[in-house]
Amino acid sequence: MSRLNSAFGIGVIRLNYEDVIQSEIVLPARERIDLDWTTIDRLINENKDFQDFFKDITED
């Protein structure tokens, strides 16, 4: 879990589905100003769902 946070800045939330108010941020996400185009390109080529998602957000 902490590997994704330290390597990519991905945040982790402990979700309490019975009482959402009791959910907590375990590791906050790190904001990035620049996009990692190498990773985005790889994900687009390897994952049809991500390709569709990326197409949708770029059209908006």
C-alpha atoms as a PDB file:
ATOM      1  CA  MET A   1       0.000   0.000   0.000  1.00  0.00           C
ATOM      2  CA  SER A   2       2.702   2.503   0.898  1.00  0.00           C
ATOM      3  CA  ARG A   3       4.690   1.551  -2.233  1.00  0.00           C
ATOM      4  CA  LEU A   4       2.025   3.015  -4.503  1.00  0.00           C
ATOM      5  CA  ASN A   5       1.872   6.108  -2.351  1.00  0.00           C
ATOM      6  CA  SER A   6       5.616   6.681  -2.292  1.00  0.00           C
ATOM      7  CA  ALA A   7       6.212   5.765  -5.940  1.00  0.00           C
ATOM      8  CA  PHE A   8       3.191   7.377  -7.571  1.00  0.00           C
ATOM      9  CA  GLY A   9       1.523   9.551  -4.943  1.00  0.00           C
ATOM     10  CA  ILE A  10      -1.626   7.403  -4.939  1.00  0.00           C
ATOM     11  CA  GLY A  11      -3.776   8.062  -1.889  1.00  0.00           C
ATOM     12  CA  VAL A  12      -5.396   5.398   0.273  1.00  0.00           C
ATOM     13  CA  ILE A  13      -8.776   5.732   1.984  1.00  0.00           C
ATOM     14  CA  ARG A  14     -10.049   3.303   4.613  1.00  0.00           C
ATOM     15  CA  LEU A  15     -13.732   3.254   3.717  1.00  0.00           C
ATOM     16  CA  ASN A  16     -16.238   2.360   6.394  1.00  0.00           C
ATOM     17  CA  TYR A  17     -19.220   1.321   4.295  1.00  0.00           C
ATOM     18  CA  GLU A  18     -21.494   0.963   7.336  1.00  0.00           C
ATOM     19  CA  ASP A  19     -20.772   4.514   8.543  1.00  0.00           C
ATOM     20  CA  VAL A  20     -19.199   6.571   5.747  1.00  0.00           C
ATOM     21  CA  ILE A  21     -18.556   9.493   8.116  1.00  0.00           C
ATOM     22  CA  GLN A  22     -16.104   7.233   9.983  1.00  0.00           C
ATOM     23  CA  SER A  23     -14.011   6.675   6.827  1.00  0.00           C
ATOM     24  CA  GLU A  24     -10.497   8.073   6.956  1.00  0.00           C
ATOM     25  CA  ILE A  25      -7.613   9.028   4.711  1.00  0.00           C
ATOM     26  CA  VAL A  26      -4.762   6.650   5.561  1.00  0.00           C
ATOM     27  CA  LEU A  27      -2.236   8.049   3.083  1.00  0.00           C
ATOM     28  CA  PRO A  28      -3.010  11.341   1.318  1.00  0.00           C
ATOM     29  CA  ALA A  29      -2.537  11.586  -2.434  1.00  0.00           C
ATOM     30  CA  ARG A  30       0.263  13.744  -3.740  1.00  0.00           C
ATOM     31  CA  GLU A  31      -0.770  16.432  -6.205  1.00  0.00           C
ATOM     32  CA  ARG A  32       1.203  16.618  -9.439  1.00  0.00           C
ATOM     33  CA  ILE A  33       1.232  19.542 -11.796  1.00  0.00           C
ATOM     34  CA  ASP A  34       2.578  17.610 -14.806  1.00  0.00           C
ATOM     35  CA  LEU A  35       1.054  14.437 -16.190  1.00  0.00           C
ATOM     36  CA  ASP A  36       3.168  11.299 -16.605  1.00  0.00           C
ATOM     37  CA  TRP A  37       2.556  10.853 -20.337  1.00  0.00           C
ATOM     38  CA  THR A  38       4.690   7.702 -20.531  1.00  0.00           C
ATOM     39  CA  THR A  39       2.450   5.931 -18.007  1.00  0.00           C
ATOM     40  CA  ILE A  40      -0.736   7.338 -19.532  1.00  0.00           C
ATOM     41  CA  ASP A  41       0.315   6.119 -22.977  1.00  0.00           C
ATOM     42  CA  ARG A  42       1.125   2.658 -21.604  1.00  0.00           C
ATOM     43  CA  LEU A  43      -2.240   2.435 -19.831  1.00  0.00           C
ATOM     44  CA  ILE A  44      -4.100   3.528 -22.964  1.00  0.00           C
ATOM     45  CA  ASN A  45      -2.367   0.809 -24.979  1.00  0.00           C
ATOM     46  CA  GLU A  46      -2.843  -1.945 -22.378  1.00  0.00           C
ATOM     47  CA  ASN A  47      -6.286  -1.212 -20.968  1.00  0.00           C
ATOM     48  CA  LYS A  48      -9.395  -0.665 -23.100  1.00  0.00           C
ATOM     49  CA  ASP A  49     -11.348   0.692 -20.118  1.00  0.00           C
ATOM     50  CA  PHE A  50      -8.690   3.320 -19.447  1.00  0.00           C
ATOM     51  CA  GLN A  51      -8.569   4.152 -23.151  1.00  0.00           C
ATOM     52  CA  ASP A  52     -12.347   4.785 -23.120  1.00  0.00           C
ATOM     53  CA  PHE A  53     -12.066   6.782 -19.880  1.00  0.00           C
ATOM     54  CA  PHE A  54      -9.251   8.931 -21.268  1.00  0.00           C
ATOM     55  CA  LYS A  55     -11.191   9.568 -24.466  1.00  0.00           C
ATOM     56  CA  ASP A  56     -14.228  10.653 -22.424  1.00  0.00           C
ATOM     57  CA  ILE A  57     -12.328  13.101 -20.238  1.00  0.00           C
ATOM     58  CA  THR A  58     -10.413  14.637 -23.129  1.00  0.00           C
ATOM     59  CA  GLU A  59     -13.667  15.226 -25.008  1.00  0.00           C
ATOM     60  CA  ASP A  60     -15.161  17.026 -21.992  1.00  0.00           C
END
